[in-house]
């Protein structure tokens, strides 16, 4: 996958297209903006159940970085374009 293809996947996700993790057949996700509407902050929800999955605090050219909380512990999330596919 070229750098331009990875960049276009991240751009499509930030623009609201549904995506899923490669090799996961069930769940689809959507990126949503926070109230301040900056492209660098938002969160991911499950598209079918609308359940919160994690916060995104940095949108890079080829990856999304953020965090979620598991058992009151902050867990870093890094979604690389190579592990995502558009639906």
C-alpha atoms as a PDB file:
ATOM      1  CA  UNK A   1       0.000   0.000   0.000  1.00  0.00           C
ATOM      2  CA  UNK A   2       1.481   3.348  -1.036  1.00  0.00           C
ATOM      3  CA  UNK A   3       1.697   6.377   1.226  1.00  0.00           C
ATOM      4  CA  UNK A   4      -0.906   8.165  -0.915  1.00  0.00           C
ATOM      5  CA  UNK A   5      -3.366   5.270  -0.500  1.00  0.00           C
ATOM      6  CA  UNK A   6      -2.857   5.274   3.274  1.00  0.00           C
ATOM      7  CA  UNK A   7      -3.396   9.033   3.383  1.00  0.00           C
ATOM      8  CA  UNK A   8      -6.622   8.756   1.362  1.00  0.00           C
ATOM      9  CA  UNK A   9      -7.981   6.096   3.765  1.00  0.00           C
ATOM     10  CA  UNK A  10      -7.388   8.357   6.789  1.00  0.00           C
ATOM     11  CA  UNK A  11      -8.935  11.330   4.961  1.00  0.00           C
ATOM     12  CA  UNK A  12     -12.039   9.293   4.096  1.00  0.00           C
ATOM     13  CA  UNK A  13     -12.400   8.108   7.699  1.00  0.00           C
ATOM     14  CA  UNK A  14     -12.117  11.651   9.085  1.00  0.00           C
ATOM     15  CA  UNK A  15     -14.719  12.775   6.541  1.00  0.00           C
ATOM     16  CA  UNK A  16     -17.206  10.299   8.022  1.00  0.00           C
ATOM     17  CA  UNK A  17     -16.884   7.117   5.962  1.00  0.00           C
ATOM     18  CA  UNK A  18     -17.432   3.829   7.777  1.00  0.00           C
ATOM     19  CA  UNK A  19     -14.415   1.605   8.304  1.00  0.00           C
ATOM     20  CA  UNK A  20     -13.524  -1.701   9.867  1.00  0.00           C
ATOM     21  CA  UNK A  21     -10.416  -3.453  11.051  1.00  0.00           C
ATOM     22  CA  UNK A  22      -8.975  -5.865   8.522  1.00  0.00           C
ATOM     23  CA  UNK A  23      -9.845  -9.496   9.275  1.00  0.00           C
ATOM     24  CA  UNK A  24     -12.822  -8.398  11.421  1.00  0.00           C
ATOM     25  CA  UNK A  25     -16.062  -9.246   9.656  1.00  0.00           C
ATOM     26  CA  UNK A  26     -18.701  -8.013  12.095  1.00  0.00           C
ATOM     27  CA  UNK A  27     -18.081  -4.510  13.408  1.00  0.00           C
ATOM     28  CA  UNK A  28     -17.972  -1.261  11.449  1.00  0.00           C
ATOM     29  CA  UNK A  29     -16.927   2.039  12.992  1.00  0.00           C
ATOM     30  CA  UNK A  30     -17.395   5.749  12.295  1.00  0.00           C
ATOM     31  CA  UNK A  31     -15.276   8.743  13.299  1.00  0.00           C
ATOM     32  CA  UNK A  32     -17.249  11.612  14.864  1.00  0.00           C
ATOM     33  CA  UNK A  33     -16.066  15.158  15.573  1.00  0.00           C
ATOM     34  CA  UNK A  34     -16.153  16.613  19.070  1.00  0.00           C
ATOM     35  CA  UNK A  35     -18.047  19.815  19.816  1.00  0.00           C
ATOM     36  CA  UNK A  36     -15.166  22.092  18.787  1.00  0.00           C
ATOM     37  CA  UNK A  37     -15.237  20.601  15.238  1.00  0.00           C
ATOM     38  CA  UNK A  38     -11.463  20.412  14.780  1.00  0.00           C
ATOM     39  CA  UNK A  39     -10.247  17.577  12.616  1.00  0.00           C
ATOM     40  CA  UNK A  40      -7.671  16.608  15.239  1.00  0.00           C
ATOM     41  CA  UNK A  41     -10.102  15.611  17.958  1.00  0.00           C
ATOM     42  CA  UNK A  42     -13.044  13.298  17.939  1.00  0.00           C
ATOM     43  CA  UNK A  43     -14.116   9.814  18.873  1.00  0.00           C
ATOM     44  CA  UNK A  44     -14.938   6.468  17.308  1.00  0.00           C
ATOM     45  CA  UNK A  45     -18.331   4.795  17.634  1.00  0.00           C
ATOM     46  CA  UNK A  46     -19.617   1.416  16.545  1.00  0.00           C
ATOM     47  CA  UNK A  47     -21.777   2.146  13.485  1.00  0.00           C
ATOM     48  CA  UNK A  48     -24.491  -0.394  14.246  1.00  0.00           C
ATOM     49  CA  UNK A  49     -24.909   0.068  18.001  1.00  0.00           C
ATOM     50  CA  UNK A  50     -23.671   3.689  18.256  1.00  0.00           C
ATOM     51  CA  UNK A  51     -21.531   2.672  21.252  1.00  0.00           C
ATOM     52  CA  UNK A  52     -18.465   4.713  22.129  1.00  0.00           C
ATOM     53  CA  UNK A  53     -15.175   2.920  21.369  1.00  0.00           C
ATOM     54  CA  UNK A  54     -12.420   5.485  22.043  1.00  0.00           C
ATOM     55  CA  UNK A  55     -11.195   9.083  21.762  1.00  0.00           C
ATOM     56  CA  UNK A  56      -8.970  10.295  18.953  1.00  0.00           C
ATOM     57  CA  UNK A  57      -6.670  13.155  19.880  1.00  0.00           C
ATOM     58  CA  UNK A  58      -4.333  13.182  16.872  1.00  0.00           C
ATOM     59  CA  UNK A  59      -5.053  12.663  13.196  1.00  0.00           C
ATOM     60  CA  UNK A  60      -1.883  12.108  11.230  1.00  0.00           C
ATOM     61  CA  UNK A  61      -1.309  11.485   7.541  1.00  0.00           C
ATOM     62  CA  UNK A  62      -1.298   7.696   7.860  1.00  0.00           C
ATOM     63  CA  UNK A  63      -2.614   6.959  11.382  1.00  0.00           C
ATOM     64  CA  UNK A  64      -5.094   7.929  14.059  1.00  0.00           C
ATOM     65  CA  UNK A  65      -3.892   8.132  17.668  1.00  0.00           C
ATOM     66  CA  UNK A  66      -6.007   8.262  20.767  1.00  0.00           C
ATOM     67  CA  UNK A  67      -7.025   6.554  23.964  1.00  0.00           C
ATOM     68  CA  UNK A  68      -9.755   4.689  25.753  1.00  0.00           C
ATOM     69  CA  UNK A  69     -10.328   3.661  29.346  1.00  0.00           C
ATOM     70  CA  UNK A  70     -10.360   0.041  30.472  1.00  0.00           C
ATOM     71  CA  UNK A  71     -10.983  -0.661  34.167  1.00  0.00           C
ATOM     72  CA  UNK A  72     -10.197   3.002  34.983  1.00  0.00           C
ATOM     73  CA  UNK A  73      -6.846   2.806  33.210  1.00  0.00           C
ATOM     74  CA  UNK A  74      -6.012   4.903  30.168  1.00  0.00           C
ATOM     75  CA  UNK A  75      -5.034   2.713  27.197  1.00  0.00           C
ATOM     76  CA  UNK A  76      -3.364   4.202  24.121  1.00  0.00           C
ATOM     77  CA  UNK A  77      -4.911   3.440  20.733  1.00  0.00           C
ATOM     78  CA  UNK A  78      -3.046   3.709  17.452  1.00  0.00           C
ATOM     79  CA  UNK A  79      -4.885   2.863  14.246  1.00  0.00           C
ATOM     80  CA  UNK A  80      -2.578   2.610  11.265  1.00  0.00           C
ATOM     81  CA  UNK A  81      -4.115   2.943   7.789  1.00  0.00           C
ATOM     82  CA  UNK A  82      -2.682  -0.441   6.811  1.00  0.00           C
ATOM     83  CA  UNK A  83      -4.852  -2.195   9.407  1.00  0.00           C
ATOM     84  CA  UNK A  84      -8.070  -0.417   8.336  1.00  0.00           C
ATOM     85  CA  UNK A  85     -10.338  -0.795   5.334  1.00  0.00           C
ATOM     86  CA  UNK A  86     -13.267   1.291   4.166  1.00  0.00           C
ATOM     87  CA  UNK A  87     -16.715  -0.269   4.026  1.00  0.00           C
END
